[in-house]
Structures are given as C-alpha cells and as structure tokens.
Amino acid sequence: MKPWLTVQPEGVRLTLHVQPGARKSEIAGEHGEALKIRLAAPPIEGKANAELVRWLASYLGLPRKSVVLLTGERNRHKIVAIAGLDAASALARLLPDA
C-alpha cells in the first residue's frame, strides 16, 4: 500500500502535494509520502481547490460530491476523502503504470 493512500470505511483518503499554476492538470508521480498533482488553476481565491475537486472527480469517474477536501485549504499539502472507491481501484486509476 502506498503511504499516501489510506483506506476508510466509506472509501479512501489521499495525501496530496499540489502544484497550482501548471499548464494542465495531471498526476506528476509521487512526492515523498504524497501523490503529486499539477493543477491548471492559480492558487487564488480557492480556484486551485475547486479545480482539484473537479479534476479528481472527473479523472476517477466519480460524481463531484464524492470528493471532499478535508485539510490544506491554504497549503500545497492537502488531504482529500474520496467516497465510493476502494484502494485497489484508486491505485489502478491514479497510477495505471505501476
């Protein structure tokens, strides 16, 4: 199991290192004990947080309400809860080449 992926009763929890202001939103591999995500949104007025939730839900094929930002509203280090997804499916979707 990856250190950035925690199993929860209702789904999984991800520890993320977010880099806002990128050219496009994408997974950029692992960063220490976090999954690194580049976001095509500026870190202004919550735009990066909104893009993170929108992009993760779309990327994982889940409704937007299934992705909730738990901590890190004003920080690059964020924890996100994802409902309705098991650990094996999360790993397969987030790191398909691993």
PDB file of N, CA and C in Angstrom:
ATOM      1  N   MET A   1       0.850  -1.191   0.000  1.00  0.00           N
ATOM      2  CA  MET A   1       0.000   0.000   0.000  1.00  0.00           C
ATOM      3  C   MET A   1       0.887   1.243   0.000  1.00  0.00           C
ATOM      4  N   LYS A   2       0.484   2.223  -0.730  1.00  0.00           N
ATOM      5  CA  LYS A   2       1.234   3.469  -0.826  1.00  0.00           C
ATOM      6  C   LYS A   2       1.007   4.308   0.435  1.00  0.00           C
ATOM      7  N   PRO A   3       2.026   5.052   0.873  1.00  0.00           N
ATOM      8  CA  PRO A   3       1.873   5.862   2.101  1.00  0.00           C
ATOM      9  C   PRO A   3       0.852   6.991   1.953  1.00  0.00           C
ATOM     10  N   TRP A   4       0.550   7.403   0.729  1.00  0.00           N
ATOM     11  CA  TRP A   4      -0.395   8.500   0.502  1.00  0.00           C
ATOM     12  C   TRP A   4      -1.838   8.021   0.369  1.00  0.00           C
ATOM     13  N   LEU A   5      -2.061   6.720   0.452  1.00  0.00           N
ATOM     14  CA  LEU A   5      -3.403   6.147   0.305  1.00  0.00           C
ATOM     15  C   LEU A   5      -3.816   5.455   1.599  1.00  0.00           C
ATOM     16  N   THR A   6      -4.920   5.904   2.181  1.00  0.00           N
ATOM     17  CA  THR A   6      -5.442   5.331   3.421  1.00  0.00           C
ATOM     18  C   THR A   6      -6.850   4.823   3.170  1.00  0.00           C
ATOM     19  N   VAL A   7      -7.126   3.604   3.599  1.00  0.00           N
ATOM     20  CA  VAL A   7      -8.458   3.028   3.442  1.00  0.00           C
ATOM     21  C   VAL A   7      -9.361   3.558   4.552  1.00  0.00           C
ATOM     22  N   GLN A   8     -10.544   3.993   4.183  1.00  0.00           N
ATOM     23  CA  GLN A   8     -11.561   4.479   5.098  1.00  0.00           C
ATOM     24  C   GLN A   8     -12.816   3.612   4.923  1.00  0.00           C
ATOM     25  N   PRO A   9     -13.716   3.589   5.907  1.00  0.00           N
ATOM     26  CA  PRO A   9     -14.929   2.763   5.770  1.00  0.00           C
ATOM     27  C   PRO A   9     -15.770   3.122   4.536  1.00  0.00           C
ATOM     28  N   GLU A  10     -15.807   4.397   4.182  1.00  0.00           N
ATOM     29  CA  GLU A  10     -16.651   4.826   3.065  1.00  0.00           C
ATOM     30  C   GLU A  10     -15.894   4.965   1.745  1.00  0.00           C
ATOM     31  N   GLY A  11     -14.574   4.746   1.762  1.00  0.00           N
ATOM     32  CA  GLY A  11     -13.778   4.891   0.542  1.00  0.00           C
ATOM     33  C   GLY A  11     -12.296   4.964   0.863  1.00  0.00           C
ATOM     34  N   VAL A  12     -11.629   5.978   0.327  1.00  0.00           N
ATOM     35  CA  VAL A  12     -10.194   6.153   0.582  1.00  0.00           C
ATOM     36  C   VAL A  12      -9.894   7.610   0.909  1.00  0.00           C
ATOM     37  N   ARG A  13      -8.714   7.813   1.465  1.00  0.00           N
ATOM     38  CA  ARG A  13      -8.229   9.161   1.748  1.00  0.00           C
ATOM     39  C   ARG A  13      -6.860   9.292   1.090  1.00  0.00           C
ATOM     40  N   LEU A  14      -6.643  10.408   0.389  1.00  0.00           N
ATOM     41  CA  LEU A  14      -5.391  10.645  -0.310  1.00  0.00           C
ATOM     42  C   LEU A  14      -4.642  11.810   0.322  1.00  0.00           C
ATOM     43  N   THR A  15      -3.337  11.643   0.487  1.00  0.00           N
ATOM     44  CA  THR A  15      -2.469  12.735   0.908  1.00  0.00           C
ATOM     45  C   THR A  15      -1.813  13.251  -0.360  1.00  0.00           C
ATOM     46  N   LEU A  16      -1.995  14.534  -0.642  1.00  0.00           N
ATOM     47  CA  LEU A  16      -1.553  15.114  -1.908  1.00  0.00           C
ATOM     48  C   LEU A  16      -0.571  16.263  -1.713  1.00  0.00           C
ATOM     49  N   HIS A  17       0.320  16.408  -2.681  1.00  0.00           N
ATOM     50  CA  HIS A  17       1.167  17.593  -2.797  1.00  0.00           C
ATOM     51  C   HIS A  17       0.716  18.244  -4.102  1.00  0.00           C
ATOM     52  N   VAL A  18       0.136  19.434  -4.005  1.00  0.00           N
ATOM     53  CA  VAL A  18      -0.473  20.086  -5.157  1.00  0.00           C
ATOM     54  C   VAL A  18       0.395  21.233  -5.649  1.00  0.00           C
ATOM     55  N   GLN A  19       0.570  21.279  -6.961  1.00  0.00           N
ATOM     56  CA  GLN A  19       1.324  22.357  -7.604  1.00  0.00           C
ATOM     57  C   GLN A  19       0.365  23.130  -8.513  1.00  0.00           C
ATOM     58  N   PRO A  20      -0.166  24.260  -8.034  1.00  0.00           N
ATOM     59  CA  PRO A  20      -1.077  25.051  -8.865  1.00  0.00           C
ATOM     60  C   PRO A  20      -0.309  25.846  -9.923  1.00  0.00           C
ATOM     61  N   GLY A  21      -1.038  26.327 -10.915  1.00  0.00           N
ATOM     62  CA  GLY A  21      -0.440  27.165 -11.950  1.00  0.00           C
ATOM     63  C   GLY A  21       0.265  26.386 -13.046  1.00  0.00           C
ATOM     64  N   ALA A  22       0.001  25.103 -13.169  1.00  0.00           N
ATOM     65  CA  ALA A  22       0.625  24.280 -14.209  1.00  0.00           C
ATOM     66  C   ALA A  22      -0.088  24.482 -15.541  1.00  0.00           C
ATOM     67  N   ARG A  23       0.525  23.996 -16.609  1.00  0.00           N
ATOM     68  CA  ARG A  23      -0.085  24.107 -17.932  1.00  0.00           C
ATOM     69  C   ARG A  23      -1.360  23.290 -18.054  1.00  0.00           C
ATOM     70  N   LYS A  24      -1.334  22.090 -17.457  1.00  0.00           N
ATOM     71  CA  LYS A  24      -2.534  21.248 -17.468  1.00  0.00           C
ATOM     72  C   LYS A  24      -2.607  20.457 -16.167  1.00  0.00           C
ATOM     73  N   SER A  25      -3.798  20.051 -15.822  1.00  0.00           N
ATOM     74  CA  SER A  25      -3.997  19.256 -14.607  1.00  0.00           C
ATOM     75  C   SER A  25      -3.617  17.816 -14.897  1.00  0.00           C
ATOM     76  N   GLU A  26      -2.730  17.261 -14.040  1.00  0.00           N
ATOM     77  CA  GLU A  26      -2.264  15.896 -14.251  1.00  0.00           C
ATOM     78  C   GLU A  26      -1.593  15.359 -13.004  1.00  0.00           C
ATOM     79  N   ILE A  27      -1.460  14.046 -12.943  1.00  0.00           N
ATOM     80  CA  ILE A  27      -0.712  13.397 -11.867  1.00  0.00           C
ATOM     81  C   ILE A  27       0.755  13.440 -12.256  1.00  0.00           C
ATOM     82  N   ALA A  28       1.599  13.861 -11.310  1.00  0.00           N
ATOM     83  CA  ALA A  28       3.022  14.028 -11.589  1.00  0.00           C
ATOM     84  C   ALA A  28       3.878  13.038 -10.802  1.00  0.00           C
ATOM     85  N   GLY A  29       3.297  11.936 -10.375  1.00  0.00           N
ATOM     86  CA  GLY A  29       4.059  10.916  -9.650  1.00  0.00           C
ATOM     87  C   GLY A  29       3.948  11.078  -8.150  1.00  0.00           C
ATOM     88  N   GLU A  30       4.940  10.554  -7.460  1.00  0.00           N
ATOM     89  CA  GLU A  30       4.943  10.614  -6.007  1.00  0.00           C
ATOM     90  C   GLU A  30       5.953  11.658  -5.536  1.00  0.00           C
ATOM     91  N   HIS A  31       5.613  12.314  -4.433  1.00  0.00           N
ATOM     92  CA  HIS A  31       6.455  13.361  -3.853  1.00  0.00           C
ATOM     93  C   HIS A  31       6.581  13.049  -2.366  1.00  0.00           C
ATOM     94  N   GLY A  32       7.652  12.340  -1.994  1.00  0.00           N
ATOM     95  CA  GLY A  32       7.787  11.904  -0.609  1.00  0.00           C
ATOM     96  C   GLY A  32       6.680  10.922  -0.272  1.00  0.00           C
ATOM     97  N   GLU A  33       5.905  11.238   0.750  1.00  0.00           N
ATOM     98  CA  GLU A  33       4.792  10.372   1.143  1.00  0.00           C
ATOM     99  C   GLU A  33       3.453  10.924   0.674  1.00  0.00           C
ATOM    100  N   ALA A  34       3.487  11.643  -0.459  1.00  0.00           N
ATOM    101  CA  ALA A  34       2.267  12.216  -1.026  1.00  0.00           C
ATOM    102  C   ALA A  34       2.235  11.941  -2.527  1.00  0.00           C
ATOM    103  N   LEU A  35       1.047  11.978  -3.085  1.00  0.00           N
ATOM    104  CA  LEU A  35       0.869  11.896  -4.523  1.00  0.00           C
ATOM    105  C   LEU A  35       0.893  13.328  -5.042  1.00  0.00           C
ATOM    106  N   LYS A  36       1.729  13.602  -6.047  1.00  0.00           N
ATOM    107  CA  LYS A  36       1.857  14.966  -6.568  1.00  0.00           C
ATOM    108  C   LYS A  36       0.890  15.164  -7.727  1.00  0.00           C
ATOM    109  N   ILE A  37       0.138  16.261  -7.646  1.00  0.00           N
ATOM    110  CA  ILE A  37      -0.801  16.618  -8.704  1.00  0.00           C
ATOM    111  C   ILE A  37      -0.526  18.051  -9.142  1.00  0.00           C
ATOM    112  N   ARG A  38      -0.365  18.230 -10.446  1.00  0.00           N
ATOM    113  CA  ARG A  38      -0.232  19.574 -11.020  1.00  0.00           C
ATOM    114  C   ARG A  38      -1.635  20.036 -11.425  1.00  0.00           C
ATOM    115  N   LEU A  39      -1.938  21.301 -11.123  1.00  0.00           N
ATOM    116  CA  LEU A  39      -3.267  21.834 -11.432  1.00  0.00           C
ATOM    117  C   LEU A  39      -3.177  23.032 -12.362  1.00  0.00           C
ATOM    118  N   ALA A  40      -4.043  23.060 -13.347  1.00  0.00           N
ATOM    119  CA  ALA A  40      -4.115  24.176 -14.284  1.00  0.00           C
ATOM    120  C   ALA A  40      -5.063  25.235 -13.734  1.00  0.00           C
ATOM    121  N   ALA A  41      -4.763  25.713 -12.554  1.00  0.00           N
ATOM    122  CA  ALA A  41      -5.551  26.772 -11.919  1.00  0.00           C
ATOM    123  C   ALA A  41      -4.626  27.538 -10.988  1.00  0.00           C
ATOM    124  N   PRO A  42      -4.826  28.846 -10.881  1.00  0.00           N
ATOM    125  CA  PRO A  42      -3.983  29.641  -9.981  1.00  0.00           C
ATOM    126  C   PRO A  42      -4.390  29.446  -8.523  1.00  0.00           C
ATOM    127  N   PRO A  43      -3.433  29.636  -7.599  1.00  0.00           N
ATOM    128  CA  PRO A  43      -3.755  29.489  -6.171  1.00  0.00           C
ATOM    129  C   PRO A  43      -4.386  30.757  -5.604  1.00  0.00           C
ATOM    130  N   ILE A  44      -5.438  31.227  -6.258  1.00  0.00           N
ATOM    131  CA  ILE A  44      -6.083  32.483  -5.871  1.00  0.00           C
ATOM    132  C   ILE A  44      -7.562  32.229  -5.603  1.00  0.00           C
ATOM    133  N   GLU A  45      -8.048  32.716  -4.470  1.00  0.00           N
ATOM    134  CA  GLU A  45      -9.471  32.679  -4.121  1.00  0.00           C
ATOM    135  C   GLU A  45     -10.087  31.287  -4.234  1.00  0.00           C
ATOM    136  N   GLY A  46      -9.343  30.249  -3.877  1.00  0.00           N
ATOM    137  CA  GLY A  46      -9.875  28.895  -3.873  1.00  0.00           C
ATOM    138  C   GLY A  46     -10.004  28.242  -5.236  1.00  0.00           C
ATOM    139  N   LYS A  47      -9.481  28.876  -6.287  1.00  0.00           N
ATOM    140  CA  LYS A  47      -9.612  28.306  -7.633  1.00  0.00           C
ATOM    141  C   LYS A  47      -8.875  26.975  -7.758  1.00  0.00           C
ATOM    142  N   ALA A  48      -7.702  26.879  -7.157  1.00  0.00           N
ATOM    143  CA  ALA A  48      -6.947  25.624  -7.228  1.00  0.00           C
ATOM    144  C   ALA A  48      -7.678  24.509  -6.471  1.00  0.00           C
ATOM    145  N   ASN A  49      -8.264  24.825  -5.330  1.00  0.00           N
ATOM    146  CA  ASN A  49      -9.009  23.808  -4.573  1.00  0.00           C
ATOM    147  C   ASN A  49     -10.227  23.325  -5.360  1.00  0.00           C
ATOM    148  N   ALA A  50     -10.938  24.243  -5.979  1.00  0.00           N
ATOM    149  CA  ALA A  50     -12.106  23.877  -6.783  1.00  0.00           C
ATOM    150  C   ALA A  50     -11.688  23.022  -7.977  1.00  0.00           C
ATOM    151  N   GLU A  51     -10.584  23.379  -8.614  1.00  0.00           N
ATOM    152  CA  GLU A  51     -10.083  22.608  -9.747  1.00  0.00           C
ATOM    153  C   GLU A  51      -9.638  21.215  -9.287  1.00  0.00           C
ATOM    154  N   LEU A  52      -9.014  21.124  -8.114  1.00  0.00           N
ATOM    155  CA  LEU A  52      -8.582  19.831  -7.591  1.00  0.00           C
ATOM    156  C   LEU A  52      -9.774  18.894  -7.416  1.00  0.00           C
ATOM    157  N   VAL A  53     -10.818  19.360  -6.780  1.00  0.00           N
ATOM    158  CA  VAL A  53     -12.006  18.538  -6.541  1.00  0.00           C
ATOM    159  C   VAL A  53     -12.668  18.159  -7.867  1.00  0.00           C
ATOM    160  N   ARG A  54     -12.828  19.131  -8.756  1.00  0.00           N
ATOM    161  CA  ARG A  54     -13.451  18.882 -10.060  1.00  0.00           C
ATOM    162  C   ARG A  54     -12.630  17.888 -10.875  1.00  0.00           C
ATOM    163  N   TRP A  55     -11.313  18.118 -10.949  1.00  0.00           N
ATOM    164  CA  TRP A  55     -10.449  17.286 -11.764  1.00  0.00           C
ATOM    165  C   TRP A  55     -10.352  15.858 -11.213  1.00  0.00           C
ATOM    166  N   LEU A  56     -10.174  15.715  -9.906  1.00  0.00           N
ATOM    167  CA  LEU A  56     -10.082  14.377  -9.306  1.00  0.00           C
ATOM    168  C   LEU A  56     -11.364  13.579  -9.544  1.00  0.00           C
ATOM    169  N   ALA A  57     -12.511  14.200  -9.350  1.00  0.00           N
ATOM    170  CA  ALA A  57     -13.787  13.512  -9.569  1.00  0.00           C
ATOM    171  C   ALA A  57     -13.898  13.058 -11.028  1.00  0.00           C
ATOM    172  N   SER A  58     -13.569  13.931 -11.950  1.00  0.00           N
ATOM    173  CA  SER A  58     -13.628  13.597 -13.364  1.00  0.00           C
ATOM    174  C   SER A  58     -12.629  12.497 -13.711  1.00  0.00           C
ATOM    175  N   TYR A  59     -11.410  12.624 -13.230  1.00  0.00           N
ATOM    176  CA  TYR A  59     -10.342  11.656 -13.520  1.00  0.00           C
ATOM    177  C   TYR A  59     -10.690  10.263 -12.986  1.00  0.00           C
ATOM    178  N   LEU A  60     -11.313  10.217 -11.816  1.00  0.00           N
ATOM    179  CA  LEU A  60     -11.669   8.941 -11.193  1.00  0.00           C
ATOM    180  C   LEU A  60     -13.029   8.419 -11.640  1.00  0.00           C
ATOM    181  N   GLY A  61     -13.754   9.210 -12.434  1.00  0.00           N
ATOM    182  CA  GLY A  61     -15.063   8.793 -12.916  1.00  0.00           C
ATOM    183  C   GLY A  61     -16.127   8.761 -11.840  1.00  0.00           C
ATOM    184  N   LEU A  62     -16.036   9.713 -10.904  1.00  0.00           N
ATOM    185  CA  LEU A  62     -16.975   9.785  -9.787  1.00  0.00           C
ATOM    186  C   LEU A  62     -17.728  11.110  -9.808  1.00  0.00           C
ATOM    187  N   PRO A  63     -18.884  11.175  -9.152  1.00  0.00           N
ATOM    188  CA  PRO A  63     -19.561  12.466  -9.029  1.00  0.00           C
ATOM    189  C   PRO A  63     -18.736  13.412  -8.154  1.00  0.00           C
ATOM    190  N   ARG A  64     -18.858  14.685  -8.397  1.00  0.00           N
ATOM    191  CA  ARG A  64     -18.078  15.687  -7.673  1.00  0.00           C
ATOM    192  C   ARG A  64     -18.311  15.626  -6.161  1.00  0.00           C
ATOM    193  N   LYS A  65     -19.517  15.270  -5.746  1.00  0.00           N
ATOM    194  CA  LYS A  65     -19.818  15.208  -4.304  1.00  0.00           C
ATOM    195  C   LYS A  65     -19.068  14.081  -3.599  1.00  0.00           C
ATOM    196  N   SER A  66     -18.483  13.147  -4.357  1.00  0.00           N
ATOM    197  CA  SER A  66     -17.715  12.048  -3.770  1.00  0.00           C
ATOM    198  C   SER A  66     -16.314  12.467  -3.336  1.00  0.00           C
ATOM    199  N   VAL A  67     -15.855  13.633  -3.792  1.00  0.00           N
ATOM    200  CA  VAL A  67     -14.508  14.114  -3.483  1.00  0.00           C
ATOM    201  C   VAL A  67     -14.616  15.320  -2.553  1.00  0.00           C
ATOM    202  N   VAL A  68     -14.012  15.216  -1.366  1.00  0.00           N
ATOM    203  CA  VAL A  68     -14.105  16.276  -0.366  1.00  0.00           C
ATOM    204  C   VAL A  68     -12.705  16.649   0.124  1.00  0.00           C
ATOM    205  N   LEU A  69     -12.394  17.934   0.078  1.00  0.00           N
ATOM    206  CA  LEU A  69     -11.127  18.426   0.611  1.00  0.00           C
ATOM    207  C   LEU A  69     -11.245  18.503   2.128  1.00  0.00           C
ATOM    208  N   LEU A  70     -10.435  17.712   2.843  1.00  0.00           N
ATOM    209  CA  LEU A  70     -10.506  17.672   4.299  1.00  0.00           C
ATOM    210  C   LEU A  70      -9.588  18.704   4.946  1.00  0.00           C
ATOM    211  N   THR A  71      -8.345  18.765   4.504  1.00  0.00           N
ATOM    212  CA  THR A  71      -7.383  19.715   5.076  1.00  0.00           C
ATOM    213  C   THR A  71      -6.520  20.300   3.964  1.00  0.00           C
ATOM    214  N   GLY A  72      -5.903  21.438   4.261  1.00  0.00           N
ATOM    215  CA  GLY A  72      -4.967  22.044   3.330  1.00  0.00           C
ATOM    216  C   GLY A  72      -5.556  23.084   2.415  1.00  0.00           C
ATOM    217  N   GLU A  73      -6.616  23.747   2.862  1.00  0.00           N
ATOM    218  CA  GLU A  73      -7.277  24.734   2.017  1.00  0.00           C
ATOM    219  C   GLU A  73      -6.320  25.818   1.534  1.00  0.00           C
ATOM    220  N   ARG A  74      -5.348  26.200   2.369  1.00  0.00           N
ATOM    221  CA  ARG A  74      -4.398  27.256   2.007  1.00  0.00           C
ATOM    222  C   ARG A  74      -2.960  26.737   1.987  1.00  0.00           C
ATOM    223  N   ASN A  75      -2.806  25.476   1.599  1.00  0.00           N
ATOM    224  CA  ASN A  75      -1.499  24.840   1.663  1.00  0.00           C
ATOM    225  C   ASN A  75      -1.329  23.914   0.463  1.00  0.00           C
ATOM    226  N   ARG A  76      -0.108  23.634   0.070  1.00  0.00           N
ATOM    227  CA  ARG A  76       0.137  22.686  -1.016  1.00  0.00           C
ATOM    228  C   ARG A  76      -0.102  21.246  -0.558  1.00  0.00           C
ATOM    229  N   HIS A  77       0.066  21.001   0.720  1.00  0.00           N
ATOM    230  CA  HIS A  77      -0.158  19.667   1.287  1.00  0.00           C
ATOM    231  C   HIS A  77      -1.643  19.552   1.634  1.00  0.00           C
ATOM    232  N   LYS A  78      -2.340  18.621   0.978  1.00  0.00           N
ATOM    233  CA  LYS A  78      -3.786  18.501   1.162  1.00  0.00           C
ATOM    234  C   LYS A  78      -4.162  17.051   1.432  1.00  0.00           C
ATOM    235  N   ILE A  79      -5.263  16.872   2.144  1.00  0.00           N
ATOM    236  CA  ILE A  79      -5.837  15.549   2.347  1.00  0.00           C
ATOM    237  C   ILE A  79      -7.255  15.583   1.790  1.00  0.00           C
ATOM    238  N   VAL A  80      -7.544  14.590   0.942  1.00  0.00           N
ATOM    239  CA  VAL A  80      -8.826  14.521   0.253  1.00  0.00           C
ATOM    240  C   VAL A  80      -9.481  13.184   0.553  1.00  0.00           C
ATOM    241  N   ALA A  81     -10.775  13.202   0.874  1.00  0.00           N
ATOM    242  CA  ALA A  81     -11.552  11.978   1.069  1.00  0.00           C
ATOM    243  C   ALA A  81     -12.304  11.680  -0.221  1.00  0.00           C
ATOM    244  N   ILE A  82     -12.283  10.419  -0.612  1.00  0.00           N
ATOM    245  CA  ILE A  82     -12.982  10.003  -1.827  1.00  0.00           C
ATOM    246  C   ILE A  82     -13.909   8.853  -1.457  1.00  0.00           C
ATOM    247  N   ALA A  83     -15.202   9.088  -1.576  1.00  0.00           N
ATOM    248  CA  ALA A  83     -16.213   8.080  -1.235  1.00  0.00           C
ATOM    249  C   ALA A  83     -16.514   7.206  -2.447  1.00  0.00           C
ATOM    250  N   GLY A  84     -16.823   5.943  -2.164  1.00  0.00           N
ATOM    251  CA  GLY A  84     -17.258   5.046  -3.228  1.00  0.00           C
ATOM    252  C   GLY A  84     -16.140   4.474  -4.077  1.00  0.00           C
ATOM    253  N   LEU A  85     -14.919   4.449  -3.551  1.00  0.00           N
ATOM    254  CA  LEU A  85     -13.781   3.924  -4.307  1.00  0.00           C
ATOM    255  C   LEU A  85     -12.915   3.101  -3.355  1.00  0.00           C
ATOM    256  N   ASP A  86     -12.610   1.863  -3.748  1.00  0.00           N
ATOM    257  CA  ASP A  86     -11.750   1.038  -2.891  1.00  0.00           C
ATOM    258  C   ASP A  86     -10.283   1.286  -3.239  1.00  0.00           C
ATOM    259  N   ALA A  87      -9.386   0.803  -2.391  1.00  0.00           N
ATOM    260  CA  ALA A  87      -7.959   1.069  -2.541  1.00  0.00           C
ATOM    261  C   ALA A  87      -7.398   0.527  -3.852  1.00  0.00           C
ATOM    262  N   ALA A  88      -7.779  -0.680  -4.233  1.00  0.00           N
ATOM    263  CA  ALA A  88      -7.260  -1.278  -5.462  1.00  0.00           C
ATOM    264  C   ALA A  88      -7.683  -0.465  -6.687  1.00  0.00           C
ATOM    265  N   SER A  89      -8.929  -0.048  -6.728  1.00  0.00           N
ATOM    266  CA  SER A  89      -9.416   0.763  -7.849  1.00  0.00           C
ATOM    267  C   SER A  89      -8.736   2.118  -7.873  1.00  0.00           C
ATOM    268  N   ALA A  90      -8.536   2.717  -6.688  1.00  0.00           N
ATOM    269  CA  ALA A  90      -7.869   4.019  -6.616  1.00  0.00           C
ATOM    270  C   ALA A  90      -6.447   3.919  -7.159  1.00  0.00           C
ATOM    271  N   LEU A  91      -5.702   2.908  -6.750  1.00  0.00           N
ATOM    272  CA  LEU A  91      -4.330   2.736  -7.242  1.00  0.00           C
ATOM    273  C   LEU A  91      -4.307   2.498  -8.744  1.00  0.00           C
ATOM    274  N   ALA A  92      -5.212   1.666  -9.238  1.00  0.00           N
ATOM    275  CA  ALA A  92      -5.250   1.366 -10.667  1.00  0.00           C
ATOM    276  C   ALA A  92      -5.561   2.614 -11.497  1.00  0.00           C
ATOM    277  N   ARG A  93      -6.397   3.485 -10.977  1.00  0.00           N
ATOM    278  CA  ARG A  93      -6.761   4.699 -11.722  1.00  0.00           C
ATOM    279  C   ARG A  93      -5.737   5.806 -11.583  1.00  0.00           C
ATOM    280  N   LEU A  94      -5.160   5.938 -10.387  1.00  0.00           N
ATOM    281  CA  LEU A  94      -4.208   7.035 -10.140  1.00  0.00           C
ATOM    282  C   LEU A  94      -2.814   6.738 -10.675  1.00  0.00           C
ATOM    283  N   LEU A  95      -2.376   5.491 -10.589  1.00  0.00           N
ATOM    284  CA  LEU A  95      -1.061   5.092 -11.089  1.00  0.00           C
ATOM    285  C   LEU A  95      -1.217   3.882 -12.003  1.00  0.00           C
ATOM    286  N   PRO A  96      -1.764   4.064 -13.208  1.00  0.00           N
ATOM    287  CA  PRO A  96      -2.036   2.917 -14.076  1.00  0.00           C
ATOM    288  C   PRO A  96      -0.789   2.172 -14.528  1.00  0.00           C
ATOM    289  N   ASP A  97       0.377   2.819 -14.541  1.00  0.00           N
ATOM    290  CA  ASP A  97       1.613   2.181 -14.991  1.00  0.00           C
ATOM    291  C   ASP A  97       2.350   1.451 -13.892  1.00  0.00           C
ATOM    292  N   ALA A  98       1.870   1.589 -12.649  1.00  0.00           N
ATOM    293  CA  ALA A  98       2.594   0.985 -11.509  1.00  0.00           C
ATOM    294  C   ALA A  98       2.223  -0.461 -11.321  1.00  0.00           C
TER     295      ALA A  98
END
